Amino acid sequence: MQRTVFLFAVFLVMSGCGSTGPLDRYTCCRQQPLGTPAKPGELRVTFLGNSTLFFSDGEEHLLIDGFISRPGLLQFVFGRIEPDQDRIHAMLERLDIEEQSLKAVIPVHSHYDHVLDAGEVAKRTGALLVGSPSTLTVGSWSDLPRSQMRNVAENPKLTVGNYQLTFIKSKHAPAGPLRQFFGGKLGAEIDAHSRPPLRAGCYHEGGSYSILIEHGTQRILVHASAGFAEDALAHPDYQADVVFLGIGGLGQASPAYKRKYFRETVEAVNATTIVPVHWDNFMRPETPGLKPFTPLFDNFHGAMGFLVEQADNSPDRTLIILDSWEQLNLSRLGGRD
């Protein structure tokens, strides 16, 4: 009985019960809903929770991660996971993706909360699956042909439709042994001989990347894990207007680590707009009204408080936080010649 009560208490804490209205505290970082349709060629991004980002210029699209199934805590801890076909179908229907208009599905690394559904999304849409060898292993589970997959370890630059992509080797945020056991090891590859359903801990990192996306004059960096490879982004070719910045685990880091992380990402690429990602409880549905994990598991407000302070200290820098299914018009945030 005591064990049952304990597990139920852990479930309540981890699932974020009682953590209502977390974004109400950050009205300074919220934007008005976009009230006008996109103009031809105008680049927009839709936030779909965790670090799943849907980029669209009205004709061609990119999907970062494409983590849709979002299995719950009990399944994560005690069960095995696999893509939820009904949820994938519903998401793709809502995104209204026409045949061949989704050019690529790009997991930033191969933990399950990034890569789980990537192969199935690519299979349904005909998009390329782009990522590390471990990501391509997941694609093979969906019977994708090799011609539909690209290994970024072999070719870190890729053009897909109207988008130019550069993959910059990075590092995952620090993670302790317990988190790696349940969520996948750092620096390890996914076993190519396994098949889902699998424990979440079988989805190993397989290498992490920052992704520079160029579209016309727009330059966007997706850096979805709160780790960094020192000086990896300190190159004039990697300058970006907007950075989608992973903050999972950042709130629990030391002040020195937070400052170093900010310098190695936002300041390194001279970004003027910061959009936090990987902050919500990805064991809950991606419906609007996203909630973070509670402080026992992560410190969302510690991370956001740090970013608000950094934005306040720089009048040329803007911090925007999005709820699920909210859009950001990237074409209105400046561009580079």
Protein backbone atom coordinates (compact mmCIF):
# COMPACT_ATOMS: atom_id res chain seq x y z
CA MET A 1 0.00 0.00 0.00
CA GLN A 2 2.79 2.43 0.93
CA ARG A 3 4.58 1.69 -2.35
CA THR A 4 1.38 2.45 -4.28
CA VAL A 5 0.90 5.75 -2.44
CA PHE A 6 4.53 6.67 -3.06
CA LEU A 7 4.28 5.94 -6.79
CA PHE A 8 1.05 7.92 -7.03
CA ALA A 9 2.70 10.87 -5.30
CA VAL A 10 5.63 10.69 -7.70
CA PHE A 11 3.18 10.57 -10.59
CA LEU A 12 1.41 13.72 -9.39
CA VAL A 13 4.66 15.60 -8.90
CA MET A 14 6.24 14.56 -12.19
CA SER A 15 3.08 15.15 -14.22
CA GLY A 16 2.87 18.76 -13.09
CA CYS A 17 -0.44 18.68 -11.21
CA GLY A 18 -1.03 21.98 -9.46
CA SER A 19 1.40 23.81 -11.76
CA THR A 20 -1.22 26.06 -13.37
CA GLY A 21 -0.70 29.09 -15.57
CA PRO A 22 3.12 28.98 -15.69
CA LEU A 23 3.28 31.46 -18.59
CA ASP A 24 1.15 34.04 -16.76
CA ARG A 25 4.30 35.02 -14.88
CA TYR A 26 5.99 36.02 -18.15
CA THR A 27 3.56 38.41 -19.80
CA CYS A 28 6.58 40.50 -20.81
CA CYS A 29 7.67 37.62 -23.05
CA ARG A 30 4.32 36.81 -24.62
CA GLN A 31 3.25 38.01 -28.07
CA GLN A 32 -0.14 38.90 -29.46
CA PRO A 33 -1.68 36.13 -31.58
CA LEU A 34 -0.91 36.47 -35.29
CA GLY A 35 -4.09 37.85 -36.76
CA THR A 36 -3.19 37.91 -40.43
CA PRO A 37 -2.47 35.09 -42.86
CA ALA A 38 1.13 34.60 -43.96
CA LYS A 39 2.21 36.45 -47.11
CA PRO A 40 3.75 34.39 -49.92
CA GLY A 41 7.26 33.38 -48.94
CA GLU A 42 6.89 34.62 -45.37
CA LEU A 43 8.56 32.24 -42.94
CA ARG A 44 6.65 31.21 -39.85
CA VAL A 45 7.26 28.64 -37.14
CA THR A 46 4.67 26.77 -35.08
CA PHE A 47 5.69 25.50 -31.64
CA LEU A 48 4.33 22.00 -30.94
CA GLY A 49 5.77 21.40 -27.48
CA ASN A 50 9.15 20.16 -26.22
CA SER A 51 11.44 21.08 -29.14
CA THR A 52 9.12 20.11 -31.99
CA LEU A 53 9.08 23.06 -34.41
CA PHE A 54 7.19 23.30 -37.70
CA PHE A 55 8.75 25.79 -40.13
CA SER A 56 6.73 26.86 -43.15
CA ASP A 57 6.99 29.48 -45.88
CA GLY A 58 3.53 28.61 -47.14
CA GLU A 59 4.80 26.12 -49.71
CA GLU A 60 7.60 24.05 -48.18
CA HIS A 61 8.05 22.91 -44.62
CA LEU A 62 10.60 21.57 -42.15
CA LEU A 63 9.89 19.67 -38.96
CA ILE A 64 12.43 19.68 -36.15
CA ASP A 65 12.13 16.49 -34.05
CA GLY A 66 8.50 15.67 -34.76
CA PHE A 67 7.93 14.18 -31.29
CA ILE A 68 4.15 13.68 -31.29
CA SER A 69 3.20 10.56 -29.29
CA ARG A 70 4.34 11.96 -25.91
CA PRO A 71 3.84 8.74 -23.86
CA GLY A 72 2.84 9.30 -20.25
CA LEU A 73 4.89 8.84 -17.09
CA LEU A 74 3.65 5.37 -16.17
CA GLN A 75 4.41 4.05 -19.64
CA PHE A 76 7.80 5.78 -19.54
CA VAL A 77 8.77 4.22 -16.21
CA PHE A 78 7.12 0.81 -16.31
CA GLY A 79 6.30 0.06 -19.94
CA ARG A 80 7.62 0.16 -23.47
CA ILE A 81 7.04 2.89 -25.99
CA GLU A 82 6.43 3.13 -29.72
CA PRO A 83 4.89 5.69 -32.10
CA ASP A 84 1.20 6.37 -31.53
CA GLN A 85 -0.20 6.18 -35.05
CA ASP A 86 -3.49 7.90 -34.20
CA ARG A 87 -1.74 10.91 -32.65
CA ILE A 88 0.64 11.17 -35.59
CA HIS A 89 -2.26 11.10 -38.04
CA ALA A 90 -4.16 13.77 -36.10
CA MET A 91 -1.13 16.07 -35.90
CA LEU A 92 -0.34 15.79 -39.61
CA GLU A 93 -3.99 16.40 -40.48
CA ARG A 94 -4.03 19.55 -38.38
CA LEU A 95 -0.79 20.80 -39.93
CA ASP A 96 -2.43 20.28 -43.34
CA ILE A 97 0.74 19.00 -44.98
CA GLU A 98 0.31 18.35 -48.68
CA GLU A 99 2.13 15.48 -50.37
CA GLN A 100 5.88 16.12 -50.63
CA SER A 101 5.59 19.62 -49.09
CA LEU A 102 7.34 18.49 -45.89
CA LYS A 103 10.95 18.47 -47.02
CA ALA A 104 12.70 17.06 -43.96
CA VAL A 105 12.20 15.70 -40.45
CA ILE A 106 15.24 16.55 -38.33
CA PRO A 107 15.71 15.24 -34.78
CA VAL A 108 18.39 17.20 -32.89
CA HIS A 109 19.49 13.94 -31.22
CA SER A 110 18.07 10.48 -30.67
CA HIS A 111 16.58 10.41 -27.19
CA TYR A 112 12.99 9.25 -27.41
CA ASP A 113 11.52 12.71 -26.71
CA HIS A 114 13.04 13.90 -30.00
CA VAL A 115 13.25 10.91 -32.35
CA LEU A 116 10.40 8.56 -31.40
CA ASP A 117 8.00 9.52 -34.21
CA ALA A 118 10.46 10.87 -36.77
CA GLY A 119 10.59 7.77 -38.97
CA GLU A 120 6.83 7.41 -39.08
CA VAL A 121 6.34 11.10 -39.97
CA ALA A 122 8.88 10.77 -42.79
CA LYS A 123 7.20 7.60 -44.02
CA ARG A 124 3.74 9.20 -44.12
CA THR A 125 4.87 12.43 -45.82
CA GLY A 126 7.74 11.35 -48.06
CA ALA A 127 10.06 13.77 -46.26
CA LEU A 128 13.76 13.12 -45.80
CA LEU A 129 14.81 11.88 -42.39
CA VAL A 130 17.97 13.78 -41.48
CA GLY A 131 20.18 13.09 -38.48
CA SER A 132 22.81 10.96 -36.80
CA PRO A 133 23.32 7.22 -37.45
CA SER A 134 21.11 6.49 -34.42
CA THR A 135 18.35 8.64 -35.92
CA LEU A 136 18.62 6.68 -39.15
CA THR A 137 18.35 3.44 -37.17
CA VAL A 138 14.96 4.67 -35.97
CA GLY A 139 14.08 5.45 -39.58
CA SER A 140 14.90 1.87 -40.56
CA TRP A 141 12.29 0.68 -38.07
CA SER A 142 9.71 2.47 -40.23
CA ASP A 143 11.16 0.73 -43.33
CA LEU A 144 12.42 3.96 -44.86
CA PRO A 145 14.69 3.37 -47.87
CA ARG A 146 18.26 4.64 -47.62
CA SER A 147 17.45 7.16 -50.37
CA GLN A 148 15.04 8.86 -47.94
CA MET A 149 17.63 9.29 -45.16
CA ARG A 150 20.63 11.59 -44.77
CA ASN A 151 23.49 11.04 -42.31
CA VAL A 152 24.70 14.42 -41.03
CA ALA A 153 27.90 12.85 -39.70
CA GLU A 154 28.88 12.35 -43.34
CA ASN A 155 27.52 15.59 -44.75
CA PRO A 156 26.90 18.46 -42.29
CA LYS A 157 25.51 20.77 -45.00
CA LEU A 158 22.28 20.08 -46.84
CA THR A 159 19.83 21.97 -49.04
CA VAL A 160 16.19 20.85 -48.91
CA GLY A 161 13.77 22.91 -50.96
CA ASN A 162 13.98 26.54 -49.90
CA TYR A 163 16.05 25.76 -46.80
CA GLN A 164 19.81 25.52 -46.33
CA LEU A 165 20.82 23.48 -43.28
CA THR A 166 24.12 23.36 -41.42
CA PHE A 167 24.65 20.85 -38.63
CA ILE A 168 27.13 21.84 -35.92
CA LYS A 169 28.29 19.16 -33.50
CA SER A 170 27.25 19.99 -29.96
CA LYS A 171 26.85 18.35 -26.55
CA HIS A 172 23.77 17.26 -24.66
CA ALA A 173 22.89 18.88 -21.35
CA PRO A 174 24.46 17.08 -18.36
CA ALA A 175 22.39 14.16 -17.08
CA GLY A 176 22.88 11.91 -14.08
CA PRO A 177 22.92 8.08 -14.14
CA LEU A 178 19.25 7.73 -13.13
CA ARG A 179 18.03 10.04 -15.87
CA GLN A 180 20.23 8.24 -18.42
CA PHE A 181 18.91 4.84 -17.32
CA PHE A 182 15.29 5.87 -17.86
CA GLY A 183 15.77 8.31 -20.74
CA GLY A 184 18.74 7.02 -22.76
CA LYS A 185 22.51 7.19 -22.36
CA LEU A 186 24.69 10.10 -23.43
CA GLY A 187 27.37 9.37 -26.03
CA ALA A 188 25.88 5.98 -26.92
CA GLU A 189 24.26 4.71 -30.10
CA ILE A 190 20.87 3.03 -30.45
CA ASP A 191 21.13 -0.73 -30.95
CA ALA A 192 20.45 -1.29 -34.63
CA HIS A 193 19.20 -4.83 -33.91
CA SER A 194 16.41 -3.74 -31.57
CA ARG A 195 12.84 -2.91 -32.61
CA PRO A 196 10.03 -1.02 -30.87
CA PRO A 197 8.22 -1.21 -28.58
CA LEU A 198 11.24 -0.51 -26.38
CA ARG A 199 12.06 0.98 -23.01
CA ALA A 200 12.55 4.74 -23.29
CA GLY A 201 16.06 4.16 -21.97
CA CYS A 202 16.96 2.26 -25.17
CA TYR A 203 16.80 5.49 -27.17
CA HIS A 204 20.37 6.66 -26.63
CA GLU A 205 21.59 10.13 -27.55
CA GLY A 206 23.53 9.18 -30.68
CA GLY A 207 25.18 12.61 -30.93
CA SER A 208 23.68 16.09 -30.54
CA TYR A 209 23.63 18.90 -33.08
CA SER A 210 22.85 22.58 -33.31
CA ILE A 211 21.03 23.28 -36.58
CA LEU A 212 21.48 26.50 -38.53
CA ILE A 213 18.52 27.09 -40.85
CA GLU A 214 18.85 29.63 -43.67
CA HIS A 215 15.80 30.73 -45.63
CA GLY A 216 16.29 33.76 -47.84
CA THR A 217 17.82 36.38 -45.57
CA GLN A 218 16.57 34.64 -42.43
CA ARG A 219 19.08 32.79 -40.23
CA ILE A 220 17.73 30.68 -37.38
CA LEU A 221 19.62 28.49 -34.93
CA VAL A 222 17.91 25.55 -33.23
CA HIS A 223 19.88 24.58 -30.13
CA ALA A 224 17.48 22.31 -28.30
CA SER A 225 19.57 20.83 -25.47
CA ALA A 226 21.04 22.90 -22.63
CA GLY A 227 24.57 21.69 -23.25
CA PHE A 228 27.31 23.06 -25.46
CA ALA A 229 30.60 22.24 -27.13
CA GLU A 230 33.00 25.04 -26.25
CA ASP A 231 33.52 27.54 -29.10
CA ALA A 232 31.52 25.34 -31.51
CA LEU A 233 29.29 28.26 -32.53
CA ALA A 234 31.99 30.94 -32.40
CA HIS A 235 32.30 31.22 -36.17
CA PRO A 236 31.16 34.08 -38.43
CA ASP A 237 29.29 31.62 -40.66
CA TYR A 238 27.02 30.65 -37.76
CA GLN A 239 25.52 34.06 -37.01
CA ALA A 240 21.75 33.94 -36.50
CA ASP A 241 18.88 36.34 -35.88
CA VAL A 242 16.80 33.95 -33.78
CA VAL A 243 17.84 31.10 -31.51
CA PHE A 244 15.43 28.42 -30.29
CA LEU A 245 17.18 27.70 -27.02
CA GLY A 246 16.80 24.48 -25.02
CA ILE A 247 16.37 25.17 -21.31
CA GLY A 248 15.54 21.69 -19.96
CA GLY A 249 17.70 21.26 -16.85
CA LEU A 250 19.14 24.77 -17.10
CA GLY A 251 17.26 26.02 -14.05
CA GLN A 252 19.04 23.49 -11.87
CA ALA A 253 22.49 24.44 -13.15
CA SER A 254 24.92 26.71 -11.31
CA PRO A 255 24.97 30.46 -12.07
CA ALA A 256 28.39 30.02 -13.68
CA TYR A 257 27.07 27.28 -16.00
CA LYS A 258 24.05 29.41 -16.99
CA ARG A 259 26.29 32.35 -17.91
CA LYS A 260 28.67 30.12 -19.88
CA TYR A 261 25.78 28.45 -21.71
CA PHE A 262 24.35 31.82 -22.70
CA ARG A 263 27.74 33.03 -23.98
CA GLU A 264 28.32 29.84 -25.97
CA THR A 265 24.93 29.97 -27.67
CA VAL A 266 23.00 33.26 -27.82
CA GLU A 267 26.00 35.58 -27.60
CA ALA A 268 28.18 33.42 -29.85
CA VAL A 269 25.74 33.77 -32.77
CA ASN A 270 24.70 37.37 -31.93
CA ALA A 271 21.02 36.44 -31.79
CA THR A 272 18.57 39.26 -31.13
CA THR A 273 15.57 37.01 -30.43
CA ILE A 274 15.51 34.08 -27.97
CA VAL A 275 12.70 31.52 -27.96
CA PRO A 276 12.94 28.92 -25.16
CA VAL A 277 12.16 25.30 -26.06
CA HIS A 278 12.36 21.97 -24.23
CA TRP A 279 10.71 23.48 -21.16
CA ASP A 280 7.32 21.75 -20.95
CA ASN A 281 6.34 18.44 -19.41
CA PHE A 282 6.53 16.21 -22.49
CA MET A 283 4.69 13.40 -20.70
CA ARG A 284 1.47 15.39 -21.09
CA PRO A 285 -0.41 16.13 -24.35
CA GLU A 286 0.80 19.06 -26.44
CA THR A 287 -2.53 20.91 -26.16
CA PRO A 288 -2.36 24.66 -25.39
CA GLY A 289 -1.81 25.43 -21.73
CA LEU A 290 1.52 23.62 -21.57
CA LYS A 291 2.97 23.07 -18.12
CA PRO A 292 6.56 22.53 -17.08
CA PHE A 293 7.79 19.69 -14.91
CA THR A 294 7.54 20.55 -11.24
CA PRO A 295 10.69 21.65 -9.36
CA LEU A 296 11.41 18.13 -8.12
CA PHE A 297 12.37 17.24 -11.71
CA ASP A 298 13.30 20.58 -13.26
CA ASN A 299 13.35 24.29 -12.37
CA PHE A 300 11.54 26.06 -15.18
CA HIS A 301 11.26 29.37 -13.35
CA GLY A 302 14.96 29.29 -12.51
CA ALA A 303 15.79 29.03 -16.21
CA MET A 304 13.23 31.62 -17.29
CA GLY A 305 14.27 34.03 -14.57
CA PHE A 306 17.83 33.86 -15.84
CA LEU A 307 16.75 34.51 -19.46
CA VAL A 308 14.51 37.41 -18.45
CA GLU A 309 17.47 38.95 -16.63
CA GLN A 310 19.71 38.54 -19.68
CA ALA A 311 17.10 40.10 -21.95
CA ASP A 312 16.59 43.01 -19.54
CA ASN A 313 20.34 43.66 -19.57
CA SER A 314 20.39 43.98 -23.36
CA PRO A 315 17.87 46.40 -24.92
CA ASP A 316 18.56 44.93 -28.39
CA ARG A 317 17.58 41.42 -27.35
CA THR A 318 14.01 40.07 -27.17
CA LEU A 319 12.75 37.02 -25.26
CA ILE A 320 9.58 35.33 -26.55
CA ILE A 321 7.95 32.24 -25.05
CA LEU A 322 5.34 30.32 -27.01
CA ASP A 323 2.54 28.04 -25.90
CA SER A 324 1.70 24.97 -27.95
CA TRP A 325 0.36 25.66 -31.47
CA GLU A 326 1.33 29.32 -31.29
CA GLN A 327 3.09 30.78 -34.31
CA LEU A 328 5.95 33.21 -34.66
CA ASN A 329 6.42 35.24 -37.83
CA LEU A 330 10.16 34.96 -38.38
CA SER A 331 10.11 37.29 -41.40
CA ARG A 332 9.23 40.17 -39.07
CA LEU A 333 12.22 39.58 -36.84
CA GLY A 334 14.82 40.89 -39.25
CA GLY A 335 17.19 39.18 -41.63
CA ARG A 336 20.76 39.37 -42.84
CA ASP A 337 22.11 40.33 -46.24
